[in-house]
Amino acid sequence: MKYVWLLLLMFAFGMAARAQIYATDGASYGPGQNLQEYFEQSPEDYNRSIIYIFFNNEPCYACAQTIGMINQIYERYFTDQYTLLMVNYDNDQENEFIYTYNLTQPLAVVLVKINDGSAFGWRKLTGLEDMISDPVSFEDYFVSQVTDFLGNS
């Protein structure tokens, strides 16, 4: 629930001219910061793949609920394996998330495989907000996508 409130507050107050990135543990991965700088600040995440939740300042009707469901699934299955980062990618000029991951929707999840502090591929999941009417299928789909691409570390 705290993640939904965080998301709603971010939408209400708008975001600065750069992408704002928030880890679910309260740490941040700042604009213009490359992966190596992030790992220097968070050495425990050096070999942890990343689940990004990308959103923009034009949220869809079901975006907050979708993000809440993803957070619950993450807490249930993946908290010890992967890092979850929420990113408002609007006005992203530093990290080039929009270009790198071809972000065009109000909500997208990108799975980034990390090994020894380097990215080794990514997979984008879109349309998740259209699947929330069936929470069981949503969870099954999300868990299978994460474990299929990132593996069971």
C-alpha atoms as a PDB file:
ATOM      1  CA  MET A   1       0.000   0.000   0.000  1.00  0.00           C
ATOM      2  CA  LYS A   2       2.859   2.391   0.756  1.00  0.00           C
ATOM      3  CA  TYR A   3       4.061   2.022  -2.846  1.00  0.00           C
ATOM      4  CA  VAL A   4       0.686   3.087  -4.216  1.00  0.00           C
ATOM      5  CA  TRP A   5       0.767   6.180  -2.012  1.00  0.00           C
ATOM      6  CA  LEU A   6       4.317   6.934  -3.131  1.00  0.00           C
ATOM      7  CA  LEU A   7       3.220   6.640  -6.742  1.00  0.00           C
ATOM      8  CA  LEU A   8       0.166   8.842  -6.219  1.00  0.00           C
ATOM      9  CA  LEU A   9       2.287  11.489  -4.490  1.00  0.00           C
ATOM     10  CA  MET A  10       4.735  11.474  -7.390  1.00  0.00           C
ATOM     11  CA  PHE A  11       1.891  12.003  -9.858  1.00  0.00           C
ATOM     12  CA  ALA A  12       0.290  14.721  -7.743  1.00  0.00           C
ATOM     13  CA  PHE A  13       3.409  16.816  -7.376  1.00  0.00           C
ATOM     14  CA  GLY A  14       4.894  16.111 -10.812  1.00  0.00           C
ATOM     15  CA  MET A  15       8.511  15.294 -11.366  1.00  0.00           C
ATOM     16  CA  ALA A  16      11.645  17.312 -12.048  1.00  0.00           C
ATOM     17  CA  ALA A  17      13.179  17.547 -15.502  1.00  0.00           C
ATOM     18  CA  ARG A  18      15.048  14.287 -14.979  1.00  0.00           C
ATOM     19  CA  ALA A  19      13.867  10.757 -14.358  1.00  0.00           C
ATOM     20  CA  GLN A  20      13.363  10.004 -10.681  1.00  0.00           C
ATOM     21  CA  ILE A  21      14.258   6.523  -9.603  1.00  0.00           C
ATOM     22  CA  TYR A  22      13.212   4.923  -6.346  1.00  0.00           C
ATOM     23  CA  ALA A  23      14.180   1.537  -5.023  1.00  0.00           C
ATOM     24  CA  THR A  24      11.523  -0.125  -2.952  1.00  0.00           C
ATOM     25  CA  ASP A  25      13.926  -0.245   0.002  1.00  0.00           C
ATOM     26  CA  GLY A  26      14.129   3.553   0.059  1.00  0.00           C
ATOM     27  CA  ALA A  27      17.511   3.813  -1.667  1.00  0.00           C
ATOM     28  CA  SER A  28      17.684   5.723  -4.901  1.00  0.00           C
ATOM     29  CA  TYR A  29      19.470   5.273  -8.175  1.00  0.00           C
ATOM     30  CA  GLY A  30      19.867   8.798  -9.392  1.00  0.00           C
ATOM     31  CA  PRO A  31      19.680  10.512 -12.739  1.00  0.00           C
ATOM     32  CA  GLY A  32      22.859  10.299 -14.737  1.00  0.00           C
ATOM     33  CA  GLN A  33      24.167   7.515 -12.543  1.00  0.00           C
ATOM     34  CA  ASN A  34      25.470   4.519 -14.461  1.00  0.00           C
ATOM     35  CA  LEU A  35      25.148   0.963 -13.227  1.00  0.00           C
ATOM     36  CA  GLN A  36      28.706   0.916 -11.868  1.00  0.00           C
ATOM     37  CA  GLU A  37      28.039   3.983  -9.702  1.00  0.00           C
ATOM     38  CA  TYR A  38      24.821   2.384  -8.468  1.00  0.00           C
ATOM     39  CA  PHE A  39      26.645  -0.823  -7.567  1.00  0.00           C
ATOM     40  CA  GLU A  40      29.346   1.153  -5.754  1.00  0.00           C
ATOM     41  CA  GLN A  41      26.630   2.688  -3.565  1.00  0.00           C
ATOM     42  CA  SER A  42      24.730  -0.606  -3.253  1.00  0.00           C
ATOM     43  CA  PRO A  43      27.360  -3.375  -3.396  1.00  0.00           C
ATOM     44  CA  GLU A  44      24.830  -5.941  -2.170  1.00  0.00           C
ATOM     45  CA  ASP A  45      23.013  -5.506  -5.505  1.00  0.00           C
ATOM     46  CA  TYR A  46      26.110  -6.165  -7.654  1.00  0.00           C
ATOM     47  CA  ASN A  47      24.780  -9.497  -8.948  1.00  0.00           C
ATOM     48  CA  ARG A  48      21.060  -8.805  -8.560  1.00  0.00           C
ATOM     49  CA  SER A  49      19.062  -8.420 -11.738  1.00  0.00           C
ATOM     50  CA  ILE A  50      16.692  -5.447 -11.861  1.00  0.00           C
ATOM     51  CA  ILE A  51      12.934  -5.262 -12.291  1.00  0.00           C
ATOM     52  CA  TYR A  52      12.118  -1.712 -13.413  1.00  0.00           C
ATOM     53  CA  ILE A  53       8.599  -0.337 -13.191  1.00  0.00           C
ATOM     54  CA  PHE A  54       8.486   2.584 -15.634  1.00  0.00           C
ATOM     55  CA  PHE A  55       5.612   5.067 -15.485  1.00  0.00           C
ATOM     56  CA  ASN A  56       5.064   8.582 -16.752  1.00  0.00           C
ATOM     57  CA  ASN A  57       3.115  11.674 -15.737  1.00  0.00           C
ATOM     58  CA  GLU A  58       0.052  10.515 -17.683  1.00  0.00           C
ATOM     59  CA  PRO A  59      -0.956   7.454 -15.657  1.00  0.00           C
ATOM     60  CA  CYS A  60      -3.505   5.040 -16.991  1.00  0.00           C
ATOM     61  CA  TYR A  61      -6.638   4.319 -14.997  1.00  0.00           C
ATOM     62  CA  ALA A  62      -5.329   0.992 -13.719  1.00  0.00           C
ATOM     63  CA  CYS A  63      -1.624   1.909 -13.389  1.00  0.00           C
ATOM     64  CA  ALA A  64      -1.582   2.393  -9.605  1.00  0.00           C
ATOM     65  CA  GLN A  65      -3.413  -0.887  -9.036  1.00  0.00           C
ATOM     66  CA  THR A  66      -1.055  -2.696 -11.414  1.00  0.00           C
ATOM     67  CA  ILE A  67       1.992  -1.312  -9.629  1.00  0.00           C
ATOM     68  CA  GLY A  68       0.501  -2.361  -6.300  1.00  0.00           C
ATOM     69  CA  MET A  69      -0.003  -5.916  -7.581  1.00  0.00           C
ATOM     70  CA  ILE A  70       3.551  -6.058  -8.924  1.00  0.00           C
ATOM     71  CA  ASN A  71       4.888  -4.892  -5.545  1.00  0.00           C
ATOM     72  CA  GLN A  72       2.913  -7.600  -3.741  1.00  0.00           C
ATOM     73  CA  ILE A  73       4.224 -10.281  -6.125  1.00  0.00           C
ATOM     74  CA  TYR A  74       7.763  -8.942  -5.743  1.00  0.00           C
ATOM     75  CA  GLU A  75       7.505  -9.067  -1.942  1.00  0.00           C
ATOM     76  CA  ARG A  76       6.082 -12.594  -2.059  1.00  0.00           C
ATOM     77  CA  TYR A  77       8.511 -14.173  -4.541  1.00  0.00           C
ATOM     78  CA  PHE A  78      11.484 -12.041  -5.524  1.00  0.00           C
ATOM     79  CA  THR A  79      12.600  -9.718  -2.730  1.00  0.00           C
ATOM     80  CA  ASP A  80      15.707 -11.793  -1.956  1.00  0.00           C
ATOM     81  CA  GLN A  81      16.657 -12.327  -5.611  1.00  0.00           C
ATOM     82  CA  TYR A  82      16.164  -9.086  -7.548  1.00  0.00           C
ATOM     83  CA  THR A  83      16.089  -5.320  -7.092  1.00  0.00           C
ATOM     84  CA  LEU A  84      12.814  -3.522  -7.821  1.00  0.00           C
ATOM     85  CA  LEU A  85      13.113   0.094  -9.012  1.00  0.00           C
ATOM     86  CA  MET A  86      10.236   2.432  -9.831  1.00  0.00           C
ATOM     87  CA  VAL A  87      11.086   5.073 -12.412  1.00  0.00           C
ATOM     88  CA  ASN A  88       9.145   8.091 -13.625  1.00  0.00           C
ATOM     89  CA  TYR A  89      10.689   8.249 -17.072  1.00  0.00           C
ATOM     90  CA  ASP A  90       9.017  11.481 -18.195  1.00  0.00           C
ATOM     91  CA  ASN A  91      11.527  14.117 -19.241  1.00  0.00           C
ATOM     92  CA  ASP A  92      14.323  11.577 -18.950  1.00  0.00           C
ATOM     93  CA  GLN A  93      17.358  13.317 -20.356  1.00  0.00           C
ATOM     94  CA  GLU A  94      20.138  11.692 -18.368  1.00  0.00           C
ATOM     95  CA  ASN A  95      19.586   7.932 -18.393  1.00  0.00           C
ATOM     96  CA  GLU A  96      18.021   7.557 -21.834  1.00  0.00           C
ATOM     97  CA  PHE A  97      15.530   5.000 -20.561  1.00  0.00           C
ATOM     98  CA  ILE A  98      12.983   6.069 -23.202  1.00  0.00           C
ATOM     99  CA  TYR A  99      15.370   5.340 -26.053  1.00  0.00           C
ATOM    100  CA  THR A 100      17.016   2.264 -24.538  1.00  0.00           C
ATOM    101  CA  TYR A 101      13.769   0.463 -23.689  1.00  0.00           C
ATOM    102  CA  ASN A 102      11.476   2.099 -26.298  1.00  0.00           C
ATOM    103  CA  LEU A 103       9.126   3.425 -23.622  1.00  0.00           C
ATOM    104  CA  THR A 104       5.886   4.755 -25.094  1.00  0.00           C
ATOM    105  CA  GLN A 105       3.169   3.545 -22.713  1.00  0.00           C
ATOM    106  CA  PRO A 106       2.097   5.036 -19.371  1.00  0.00           C
ATOM    107  CA  LEU A 107       3.312   1.830 -17.701  1.00  0.00           C
ATOM    108  CA  ALA A 108       5.936  -0.753 -18.619  1.00  0.00           C
ATOM    109  CA  VAL A 109       8.022  -3.268 -16.716  1.00  0.00           C
ATOM    110  CA  VAL A 110      11.544  -3.992 -17.906  1.00  0.00           C
ATOM    111  CA  LEU A 111      13.516  -6.960 -16.651  1.00  0.00           C
ATOM    112  CA  VAL A 112      17.285  -6.412 -16.853  1.00  0.00           C
ATOM    113  CA  LYS A 113      19.586  -9.391 -16.405  1.00  0.00           C
ATOM    114  CA  ILE A 114      22.672  -8.422 -14.353  1.00  0.00           C
ATOM    115  CA  ASN A 115      25.801 -10.531 -13.983  1.00  0.00           C
ATOM    116  CA  ASP A 116      28.989  -9.283 -12.323  1.00  0.00           C
ATOM    117  CA  GLY A 117      27.724  -5.705 -12.381  1.00  0.00           C
ATOM    118  CA  SER A 118      26.952  -5.636 -16.113  1.00  0.00           C
ATOM    119  CA  ALA A 119      23.653  -5.761 -17.981  1.00  0.00           C
ATOM    120  CA  PHE A 120      23.233  -8.848 -20.173  1.00  0.00           C
ATOM    121  CA  GLY A 121      19.932  -8.260 -21.922  1.00  0.00           C
ATOM    122  CA  TRP A 122      16.456  -7.074 -21.090  1.00  0.00           C
ATOM    123  CA  ARG A 123      12.798  -7.942 -21.680  1.00  0.00           C
ATOM    124  CA  LYS A 124       9.927  -5.443 -21.671  1.00  0.00           C
ATOM    125  CA  LEU A 125       6.462  -6.373 -20.376  1.00  0.00           C
ATOM    126  CA  THR A 126       3.609  -4.125 -21.474  1.00  0.00           C
ATOM    127  CA  GLY A 127      -0.151  -4.287 -21.197  1.00  0.00           C
ATOM    128  CA  LEU A 128      -0.027  -5.531 -17.611  1.00  0.00           C
ATOM    129  CA  GLU A 129      -2.679  -2.987 -16.620  1.00  0.00           C
ATOM    130  CA  ASP A 130      -5.092  -4.828 -18.954  1.00  0.00           C
ATOM    131  CA  MET A 131      -4.610  -8.076 -17.021  1.00  0.00           C
ATOM    132  CA  ILE A 132      -5.470  -6.967 -13.479  1.00  0.00           C
ATOM    133  CA  SER A 133      -9.105  -8.082 -13.612  1.00  0.00           C
ATOM    134  CA  ASP A 134      -7.834 -11.650 -13.086  1.00  0.00           C
ATOM    135  CA  PRO A 135      -5.278 -11.406 -10.247  1.00  0.00           C
ATOM    136  CA  VAL A 136      -4.424 -15.121 -10.345  1.00  0.00           C
ATOM    137  CA  SER A 137      -3.602 -15.087 -14.059  1.00  0.00           C
ATOM    138  CA  PHE A 138      -1.756 -11.790 -13.623  1.00  0.00           C
ATOM    139  CA  GLU A 139       0.416 -13.275 -10.884  1.00  0.00           C
ATOM    140  CA  ASP A 140       1.047 -16.468 -12.855  1.00  0.00           C
ATOM    141  CA  TYR A 141       2.023 -14.484 -15.948  1.00  0.00           C
ATOM    142  CA  PHE A 142       4.278 -12.050 -14.092  1.00  0.00           C
ATOM    143  CA  VAL A 143       6.049 -14.755 -12.076  1.00  0.00           C
ATOM    144  CA  SER A 144       6.591 -16.893 -15.173  1.00  0.00           C
ATOM    145  CA  GLN A 145       7.993 -13.939 -17.158  1.00  0.00           C
ATOM    146  CA  VAL A 146      10.415 -12.999 -14.387  1.00  0.00           C
ATOM    147  CA  THR A 147      11.611 -16.549 -13.695  1.00  0.00           C
ATOM    148  CA  ASP A 148      11.798 -17.398 -17.401  1.00  0.00           C
ATOM    149  CA  PHE A 149      13.992 -14.400 -18.243  1.00  0.00           C
ATOM    150  CA  LEU A 150      15.911 -13.695 -15.044  1.00  0.00           C
ATOM    151  CA  GLY A 151      16.030 -17.252 -13.739  1.00  0.00           C
ATOM    152  CA  ASN A 152      15.874 -18.507 -10.190  1.00  0.00           C
ATOM    153  CA  SER A 153      19.005 -17.037  -8.653  1.00  0.00           C
END
